[in-house]
Amino acid sequence: MLYFITSLIAVLGVCWIHPRLVAIALDKNIVDNPDARKLQRKPVPVLGGIAVFFGTVIGLGCAGIACDCSDLFIVVVAMMIMLYTGTLDDILDLSPALRFLVEIGTVLLLVFVGGYTLDDFHGLWGLGQIPREVAIPLTVFAAVGIINAINLIDGVDGLSSGYCIMAGIQFGVMFWLADDPVMAILAAVSAGSLIPFFFHNVFGKTSKMFIGDGGTLVMGIIMSVFVMRLLQHDAQYMMHAQENLGLVAFTLAVLSVPVFDTLRVMTARILKGKSPFHPDKTHLHHMFIRLGCSHAATTLAILMLNAFVVLCGWISYKAGCSIDTQLYIILALGLLITFGLYNFMERQIRRKTRFLHLLHRIGYRTHLNRTGIFFWLQKAVDRI
């Protein structure tokens, strides 16, 4: 019940502050302007990250009445640093190098002050706890990678927020099963704070607002904390989990689409002699848009692909596969639905096959903005 109440408080907090932030953003011209790389056709307010942070912190504050959440103080500080950095980037367009330095510094803050470290493979390849001199650089590499992977999937309406809602629920269930109420509360309030924003982002017209780098960096650091907590030696999750549960495989399954799609995009850029941070339109969500799919259909398709990987990981665990095999299955599926699917569809587009024409017809039918239901949802969301 505590998880539901705190999540509901986060929802209500975002509902209250969202229209006020939209008005401020429009009044001060804090908007994301369209260009050749972006998919929107008009300027859109870009302060959604502040709304999500507000809802999450309000939810945590209320949860502190019934549960000791003092361990999350350093996490909130890290979230605040990411919020400021991302919001400044939205407004001033910071350099990638500066952003990386801030991200690395924030992760090191979590490591040395908060004690969050990815330092135990929990039996994968026969490995348990790893030395601290290896764990710290591994933690920084993994956490910064996750932060940027979450940031880079923010390309169509509802994708980053919808993904983080789903991931937050999945991590929250794991923390609940492992009897870690503090992390479960953080998962509940972060998912709850994203729910009203998701509906405004997908269906809103006058209330539409982007989550911006401020929001994606906040959610990225939260996802990093979840991974570090699960793969931390002294967390003792294996005491609560059933035998043969691959925690590394689970975390990679939950993060499969953002992580593998980011690896694919950056690899392709490097092979073309470009900077891996050079912006383009080669992400998985761009491919669905090129097939004629609506933003909502693109978001749904990618979330279903990610959920499919998690489901296959769970099936492999229930089937008695070893921890190593669970990871190999997740790796294979992650590569298949990012590298494999993208390259297959690119080949169809280049050759203009009959299959491509079929996909175009299906894609165009996903545009709900031409239906009465969409207009009804739009009016309902804008009134909230």
Protein backbone atom coordinates (compact mmCIF):
# COMPACT_ATOMS: atom_id res chain seq x y z
CA MET A 1 0.00 0.00 0.00
CA LEU A 2 2.90 2.38 0.80
CA TYR A 3 4.26 1.98 -2.74
CA PHE A 4 0.87 2.80 -4.27
CA ILE A 5 0.31 5.85 -2.06
CA THR A 6 3.75 7.33 -2.69
CA SER A 7 3.39 6.70 -6.42
CA LEU A 8 -0.02 8.41 -6.39
CA ILE A 9 1.46 11.41 -4.56
CA ALA A 10 4.13 11.64 -7.26
CA VAL A 11 1.42 11.53 -9.94
CA LEU A 12 -0.56 14.32 -8.27
CA GLY A 13 2.57 16.43 -7.79
CA VAL A 14 3.39 16.28 -11.50
CA CYS A 15 -0.24 16.99 -12.44
CA TRP A 16 -0.11 20.15 -10.32
CA ILE A 17 3.21 21.55 -11.54
CA HIS A 18 3.05 20.51 -15.21
CA PRO A 19 0.75 23.28 -16.55
CA ARG A 20 2.69 25.90 -14.59
CA LEU A 21 5.96 24.77 -16.16
CA VAL A 22 4.40 24.83 -19.63
CA ALA A 23 3.34 28.44 -19.07
CA ILE A 24 6.81 29.42 -17.80
CA ALA A 25 8.56 27.71 -20.71
CA LEU A 26 6.35 29.44 -23.29
CA ASP A 27 6.66 32.81 -21.57
CA LYS A 28 10.49 32.59 -21.37
CA ASN A 29 10.86 30.86 -24.76
CA ILE A 30 12.47 27.77 -23.20
CA VAL A 31 11.47 25.51 -26.09
CA ASP A 32 12.91 22.86 -28.36
CA ASN A 33 12.89 24.29 -31.87
CA PRO A 34 12.46 21.99 -34.89
CA ASP A 35 15.39 21.32 -37.22
CA ALA A 36 16.48 18.75 -39.83
CA ARG A 37 17.31 16.13 -37.17
CA LYS A 38 14.21 16.51 -34.98
CA LEU A 39 10.78 15.11 -35.65
CA GLN A 40 8.48 17.85 -34.30
CA ARG A 41 7.17 20.60 -36.60
CA LYS A 42 6.85 23.45 -34.09
CA PRO A 43 8.58 24.65 -30.90
CA VAL A 44 7.70 22.59 -27.82
CA PRO A 45 8.35 23.50 -24.14
CA VAL A 46 11.26 21.53 -22.75
CA LEU A 47 11.05 21.66 -18.94
CA GLY A 48 9.49 18.23 -18.39
CA GLY A 49 12.48 17.06 -16.39
CA ILE A 50 11.68 19.57 -13.65
CA ALA A 51 8.14 18.20 -13.38
CA VAL A 52 9.41 14.61 -13.11
CA PHE A 53 12.04 15.57 -10.51
CA PHE A 54 9.44 17.51 -8.51
CA GLY A 55 7.03 14.55 -8.43
CA THR A 56 9.77 12.09 -7.49
CA VAL A 57 11.10 14.23 -4.62
CA ILE A 58 7.58 14.97 -3.28
CA GLY A 59 6.84 11.23 -3.33
CA LEU A 60 10.08 10.40 -1.52
CA GLY A 61 9.44 13.12 1.04
CA CYS A 62 6.02 11.73 1.87
CA ALA A 63 7.39 8.17 1.96
CA GLY A 64 9.88 9.32 4.59
CA ILE A 65 7.00 9.67 7.05
CA ALA A 66 6.45 5.91 7.09
CA CYS A 67 9.87 4.60 6.01
CA ASP A 68 13.45 5.68 6.62
CA CYS A 69 14.58 6.97 3.22
CA SER A 70 17.66 8.81 4.48
CA ASP A 71 19.91 6.49 2.44
CA LEU A 72 18.48 8.14 -0.69
CA PHE A 73 19.78 11.60 0.22
CA ILE A 74 22.90 11.22 -1.93
CA VAL A 75 20.74 9.82 -4.76
CA VAL A 76 18.55 12.94 -4.66
CA VAL A 77 21.69 15.09 -4.74
CA ALA A 78 22.89 13.18 -7.81
CA MET A 79 19.46 13.63 -9.42
CA MET A 80 19.62 17.36 -8.73
CA ILE A 81 23.06 17.65 -10.35
CA MET A 82 21.78 15.80 -13.41
CA LEU A 83 18.66 17.99 -13.53
CA TYR A 84 20.69 21.21 -13.49
CA THR A 85 23.14 19.87 -16.06
CA GLY A 86 20.44 18.64 -18.41
CA THR A 87 18.30 21.76 -18.10
CA LEU A 88 21.32 23.97 -18.82
CA ASP A 89 22.04 21.77 -21.82
CA ASP A 90 18.45 22.22 -23.03
CA ILE A 91 18.79 26.00 -22.77
CA LEU A 92 22.47 26.66 -23.54
CA ASP A 93 23.53 23.53 -25.49
CA LEU A 94 26.51 22.41 -23.41
CA SER A 95 29.45 20.61 -25.00
CA PRO A 96 29.46 16.76 -24.84
CA ALA A 97 32.82 16.87 -23.02
CA LEU A 98 31.44 19.03 -20.20
CA ARG A 99 28.38 16.81 -19.85
CA PHE A 100 30.56 13.72 -19.63
CA LEU A 101 32.73 15.28 -16.95
CA VAL A 102 29.66 16.14 -14.86
CA GLU A 103 28.23 12.64 -15.35
CA ILE A 104 31.51 10.99 -14.31
CA GLY A 105 31.78 13.28 -11.27
CA THR A 106 28.20 12.49 -10.26
CA VAL A 107 28.75 8.74 -10.51
CA LEU A 108 31.95 9.04 -8.45
CA LEU A 109 29.92 10.95 -5.85
CA LEU A 110 27.52 8.00 -5.64
CA VAL A 111 30.47 5.60 -5.36
CA PHE A 112 32.55 7.35 -2.70
CA VAL A 113 29.82 9.10 -0.69
CA GLY A 114 26.80 6.88 -1.26
CA GLY A 115 28.64 3.57 -1.37
CA TYR A 116 26.94 2.49 -4.60
CA THR A 117 29.27 0.22 -6.58
CA LEU A 118 28.90 -2.41 -9.25
CA ASP A 119 31.28 -4.89 -7.62
CA ASP A 120 29.70 -8.37 -7.70
CA PHE A 121 28.80 -10.56 -10.70
CA HIS A 122 26.82 -12.92 -8.43
CA GLY A 123 28.14 -16.12 -9.99
CA LEU A 124 28.35 -15.08 -13.64
CA TRP A 125 31.33 -16.89 -15.24
CA GLY A 126 32.12 -18.15 -11.76
CA LEU A 127 32.82 -14.62 -10.52
CA GLY A 128 31.66 -13.12 -7.26
CA GLN A 129 32.97 -9.95 -5.69
CA ILE A 130 35.51 -8.12 -7.82
CA PRO A 131 38.43 -5.94 -6.57
CA ARG A 132 37.63 -2.31 -5.84
CA GLU A 133 40.27 -1.04 -8.29
CA VAL A 134 38.35 -2.86 -11.04
CA ALA A 135 34.86 -2.18 -9.67
CA ILE A 136 35.16 1.62 -9.61
CA PRO A 137 36.10 2.16 -13.30
CA LEU A 138 33.57 -0.54 -14.28
CA THR A 139 30.87 1.28 -12.30
CA VAL A 140 31.70 4.63 -13.90
CA PHE A 141 31.74 3.11 -17.41
CA ALA A 142 28.44 1.27 -16.92
CA ALA A 143 26.62 4.14 -15.19
CA VAL A 144 27.69 6.82 -17.70
CA GLY A 145 26.75 4.43 -20.51
CA ILE A 146 23.28 3.88 -19.04
CA ILE A 147 22.72 7.62 -18.52
CA ASN A 148 23.54 8.38 -22.15
CA ALA A 149 21.60 5.38 -23.46
CA ILE A 150 18.45 6.67 -21.73
CA ASN A 151 19.16 10.16 -23.06
CA LEU A 152 19.56 8.98 -26.65
CA ILE A 153 16.23 7.14 -26.88
CA ASP A 154 14.37 10.42 -26.32
CA GLY A 155 13.45 10.88 -29.97
CA VAL A 156 9.70 10.32 -30.30
CA ASP A 157 6.74 11.22 -28.11
CA GLY A 158 6.45 9.03 -25.04
CA LEU A 159 9.41 6.75 -25.73
CA SER A 160 11.84 7.74 -22.96
CA SER A 161 9.10 8.27 -20.37
CA GLY A 162 7.22 5.11 -21.39
CA TYR A 163 10.40 3.06 -21.29
CA CYS A 164 11.40 4.40 -17.86
CA ILE A 165 7.91 3.68 -16.49
CA MET A 166 8.23 0.08 -17.65
CA ALA A 167 11.82 -0.26 -16.40
CA GLY A 168 10.93 1.35 -13.07
CA ILE A 169 8.10 -1.16 -12.54
CA GLN A 170 10.37 -4.09 -13.41
CA PHE A 171 13.15 -2.94 -11.10
CA GLY A 172 10.58 -2.13 -8.42
CA VAL A 173 9.16 -5.65 -8.50
CA MET A 174 12.68 -7.07 -8.15
CA PHE A 175 13.41 -4.81 -5.17
CA TRP A 176 10.08 -5.71 -3.59
CA LEU A 177 10.81 -9.44 -3.97
CA ALA A 178 14.30 -8.86 -2.55
CA ASP A 179 12.85 -7.04 0.49
CA ASP A 180 14.48 -3.68 -0.28
CA PRO A 181 11.66 -1.20 0.49
CA VAL A 182 13.75 1.95 0.00
CA MET A 183 14.72 1.08 -3.57
CA ALA A 184 11.20 -0.18 -4.25
CA ILE A 185 9.82 3.21 -3.14
CA LEU A 186 12.28 5.04 -5.41
CA ALA A 187 11.15 2.86 -8.31
CA ALA A 188 7.48 3.48 -7.49
CA VAL A 189 7.74 7.28 -7.23
CA SER A 190 9.95 7.62 -10.32
CA ALA A 191 7.50 5.57 -12.39
CA GLY A 192 4.55 7.46 -10.90
CA SER A 193 6.04 10.86 -11.67
CA LEU A 194 6.42 9.84 -15.32
CA ILE A 195 2.83 8.65 -15.86
CA PRO A 196 1.08 12.07 -16.18
CA PHE A 197 4.03 13.43 -18.15
CA PHE A 198 3.74 10.48 -20.56
CA PHE A 199 0.09 11.30 -21.33
CA HIS A 200 0.82 15.01 -21.81
CA ASN A 201 3.76 14.17 -24.05
CA VAL A 202 1.85 11.71 -26.25
CA PHE A 203 -1.66 13.18 -26.35
CA GLY A 204 -1.31 16.80 -25.25
CA LYS A 205 -1.64 19.77 -27.59
CA THR A 206 -1.63 22.92 -25.47
CA SER A 207 -0.12 20.93 -22.56
CA LYS A 208 2.53 19.12 -24.60
CA MET A 209 6.05 19.32 -23.20
CA PHE A 210 9.29 17.43 -23.81
CA ILE A 211 11.15 15.81 -20.93
CA GLY A 212 14.40 17.28 -22.26
CA ASP A 213 17.92 16.36 -21.26
CA GLY A 214 17.08 17.45 -17.73
CA GLY A 215 14.55 14.61 -17.44
CA THR A 216 16.48 11.93 -19.31
CA LEU A 217 19.65 12.54 -17.28
CA VAL A 218 17.63 12.32 -14.04
CA MET A 219 16.03 9.04 -15.13
CA GLY A 220 19.39 7.78 -16.37
CA ILE A 221 21.04 8.29 -12.98
CA ILE A 222 18.08 6.57 -11.28
CA MET A 223 18.40 3.56 -13.59
CA SER A 224 22.14 3.50 -12.88
CA VAL A 225 21.45 3.44 -9.14
CA PHE A 226 19.08 0.51 -9.61
CA VAL A 227 21.74 -1.46 -11.50
CA MET A 228 24.46 -0.63 -8.97
CA ARG A 229 22.17 -1.64 -6.11
CA LEU A 230 21.33 -5.00 -7.68
CA LEU A 231 24.95 -5.79 -8.51
CA GLN A 232 26.41 -4.57 -5.24
CA HIS A 233 28.18 -7.13 -3.06
CA ASP A 234 26.74 -6.15 0.32
CA ALA A 235 23.18 -5.84 -1.02
CA GLN A 236 22.81 -9.61 -0.50
CA TYR A 237 20.13 -9.96 -3.17
CA MET A 238 21.07 -13.56 -3.80
CA MET A 239 19.92 -14.38 -0.26
CA HIS A 240 16.37 -13.38 -1.24
CA ALA A 241 16.40 -14.44 -4.88
CA GLN A 242 15.78 -18.01 -5.94
CA GLU A 243 18.75 -20.11 -6.95
CA ASN A 244 20.05 -19.68 -10.49
CA LEU A 245 18.65 -16.17 -11.01
CA GLY A 246 21.01 -14.18 -13.25
CA LEU A 247 21.01 -10.63 -11.89
CA VAL A 248 23.42 -9.37 -14.56
CA ALA A 249 21.19 -10.89 -17.24
CA PHE A 250 18.11 -9.31 -15.64
CA THR A 251 19.57 -5.81 -15.55
CA LEU A 252 20.78 -6.10 -19.15
CA ALA A 253 17.37 -7.40 -20.26
CA VAL A 254 15.57 -4.42 -18.70
CA LEU A 255 18.03 -2.03 -20.39
CA SER A 256 18.36 -4.01 -23.63
CA VAL A 257 16.92 -1.65 -26.26
CA PRO A 258 18.56 1.60 -25.03
CA VAL A 259 21.95 -0.05 -24.44
CA PHE A 260 22.19 -2.12 -27.62
CA ASP A 261 20.71 0.58 -29.85
CA THR A 262 23.23 3.09 -28.47
CA LEU A 263 26.08 0.63 -29.12
CA ARG A 264 24.84 0.07 -32.67
CA VAL A 265 24.52 3.79 -33.46
CA MET A 266 27.90 4.71 -32.00
CA THR A 267 29.62 1.79 -33.74
CA ALA A 268 28.12 2.82 -37.08
CA ARG A 269 29.25 6.43 -36.61
CA ILE A 270 32.81 5.38 -35.77
CA LEU A 271 32.96 3.06 -38.81
CA LYS A 272 31.89 6.00 -40.98
CA GLY A 273 34.71 8.13 -39.55
CA LYS A 274 32.38 10.34 -37.53
CA SER A 275 32.34 11.19 -33.86
CA PRO A 276 30.24 8.69 -31.88
CA PHE A 277 28.40 11.71 -30.43
CA HIS A 278 27.59 13.25 -33.81
CA PRO A 279 23.77 13.56 -33.91
CA ASP A 280 21.88 11.84 -36.73
CA LYS A 281 18.63 9.98 -37.45
CA THR A 282 19.82 6.37 -37.30
CA HIS A 283 18.26 5.21 -34.04
CA LEU A 284 15.75 2.37 -33.95
CA HIS A 285 12.87 4.80 -33.39
CA HIS A 286 13.88 6.77 -36.50
CA MET A 287 13.57 3.57 -38.54
CA PHE A 288 9.98 3.04 -37.37
CA ILE A 289 9.13 6.64 -38.26
CA ARG A 290 10.61 6.13 -41.75
CA LEU A 291 8.27 3.15 -42.15
CA GLY A 292 5.35 5.54 -41.65
CA CYS A 293 4.52 4.60 -38.05
CA SER A 294 3.08 7.19 -35.71
CA HIS A 295 4.96 8.28 -32.60
CA ALA A 296 2.58 6.29 -30.40
CA ALA A 297 2.98 3.14 -32.50
CA THR A 298 6.77 3.56 -32.55
CA THR A 299 6.85 3.88 -28.77
CA LEU A 300 4.57 0.86 -28.34
CA ALA A 301 6.63 -1.27 -30.74
CA ILE A 302 9.94 -0.52 -28.99
CA LEU A 303 8.48 -1.08 -25.53
CA MET A 304 7.08 -4.42 -26.71
CA LEU A 305 10.49 -5.41 -28.09
CA ASN A 306 12.14 -4.60 -24.76
CA ALA A 307 9.41 -6.43 -22.84
CA PHE A 308 9.93 -9.44 -25.12
CA VAL A 309 13.62 -9.59 -24.13
CA VAL A 310 12.71 -9.46 -20.43
CA LEU A 311 10.09 -12.19 -20.95
CA CYS A 312 12.59 -14.44 -22.72
CA GLY A 313 15.06 -13.88 -19.89
CA TRP A 314 12.42 -14.90 -17.36
CA ILE A 315 11.51 -18.00 -19.41
CA SER A 316 15.18 -19.02 -19.62
CA TYR A 317 15.45 -18.65 -15.83
CA LYS A 318 12.28 -20.69 -15.19
CA ALA A 319 13.50 -23.33 -17.68
CA GLY A 320 16.56 -23.90 -15.51
CA CYS A 321 19.18 -22.32 -17.78
CA SER A 322 22.46 -21.48 -16.11
CA ILE A 323 23.31 -17.89 -15.18
CA ASP A 324 25.79 -17.76 -18.06
CA THR A 325 23.23 -19.08 -20.56
CA GLN A 326 20.65 -16.52 -19.40
CA LEU A 327 23.12 -13.75 -20.21
CA TYR A 328 23.96 -15.21 -23.64
CA ILE A 329 20.26 -15.37 -24.50
CA ILE A 330 19.81 -11.72 -23.53
CA LEU A 331 22.90 -10.71 -25.52
CA ALA A 332 21.66 -12.58 -28.59
CA LEU A 333 18.18 -11.07 -28.39
CA GLY A 334 19.52 -7.57 -27.76
CA LEU A 335 21.74 -7.78 -30.84
CA LEU A 336 18.93 -9.30 -32.91
CA ILE A 337 16.32 -6.61 -32.17
CA THR A 338 18.72 -3.71 -32.63
CA PHE A 339 21.55 -4.57 -35.03
CA GLY A 340 19.61 -7.33 -36.81
CA LEU A 341 16.23 -5.63 -37.11
CA TYR A 342 17.64 -2.25 -38.09
CA ASN A 343 19.93 -3.67 -40.80
CA PHE A 344 17.15 -5.89 -42.14
CA MET A 345 14.75 -2.97 -42.43
CA GLU A 346 17.45 -0.76 -43.98
CA ARG A 347 17.91 -3.41 -46.67
CA GLN A 348 14.16 -3.41 -47.33
CA ILE A 349 14.15 0.39 -47.61
CA ARG A 350 17.10 0.47 -50.02
CA ARG A 351 15.61 -2.22 -52.25
CA LYS A 352 12.05 -0.87 -51.99
CA THR A 353 10.65 -4.38 -51.62
CA ARG A 354 7.01 -5.45 -51.59
CA PHE A 355 7.42 -6.20 -47.89
CA LEU A 356 8.37 -2.55 -47.36
CA HIS A 357 5.19 -1.36 -49.08
CA LEU A 358 3.18 -3.65 -46.79
CA LEU A 359 4.92 -2.17 -43.74
CA HIS A 360 4.19 1.36 -44.99
CA ARG A 361 0.49 0.55 -45.27
CA ILE A 362 0.47 -0.88 -41.76
CA GLY A 363 2.44 2.09 -40.43
CA TYR A 364 0.09 4.70 -41.84
CA ARG A 365 -2.85 2.98 -40.15
CA THR A 366 -1.28 3.60 -36.76
CA HIS A 367 -1.80 7.37 -36.95
CA LEU A 368 -4.46 7.82 -34.28
CA ASN A 369 -4.35 11.60 -34.55
CA ARG A 370 -6.91 11.37 -37.34
CA THR A 371 -9.50 9.62 -35.14
CA GLY A 372 -12.12 10.92 -32.75
CA ILE A 373 -10.65 8.93 -29.87
CA PHE A 374 -7.35 10.79 -30.17
CA PHE A 375 -9.08 14.21 -30.14
CA TRP A 376 -11.09 13.16 -27.08
CA LEU A 377 -7.90 12.08 -25.27
CA GLN A 378 -6.18 15.28 -26.35
CA LYS A 379 -8.92 17.47 -24.88
CA ALA A 380 -9.05 15.40 -21.70
CA VAL A 381 -5.27 15.58 -21.15
CA ASP A 382 -5.10 19.32 -21.91
CA ARG A 383 -7.76 19.97 -19.26
CA ILE A 384 -5.76 18.23 -16.51
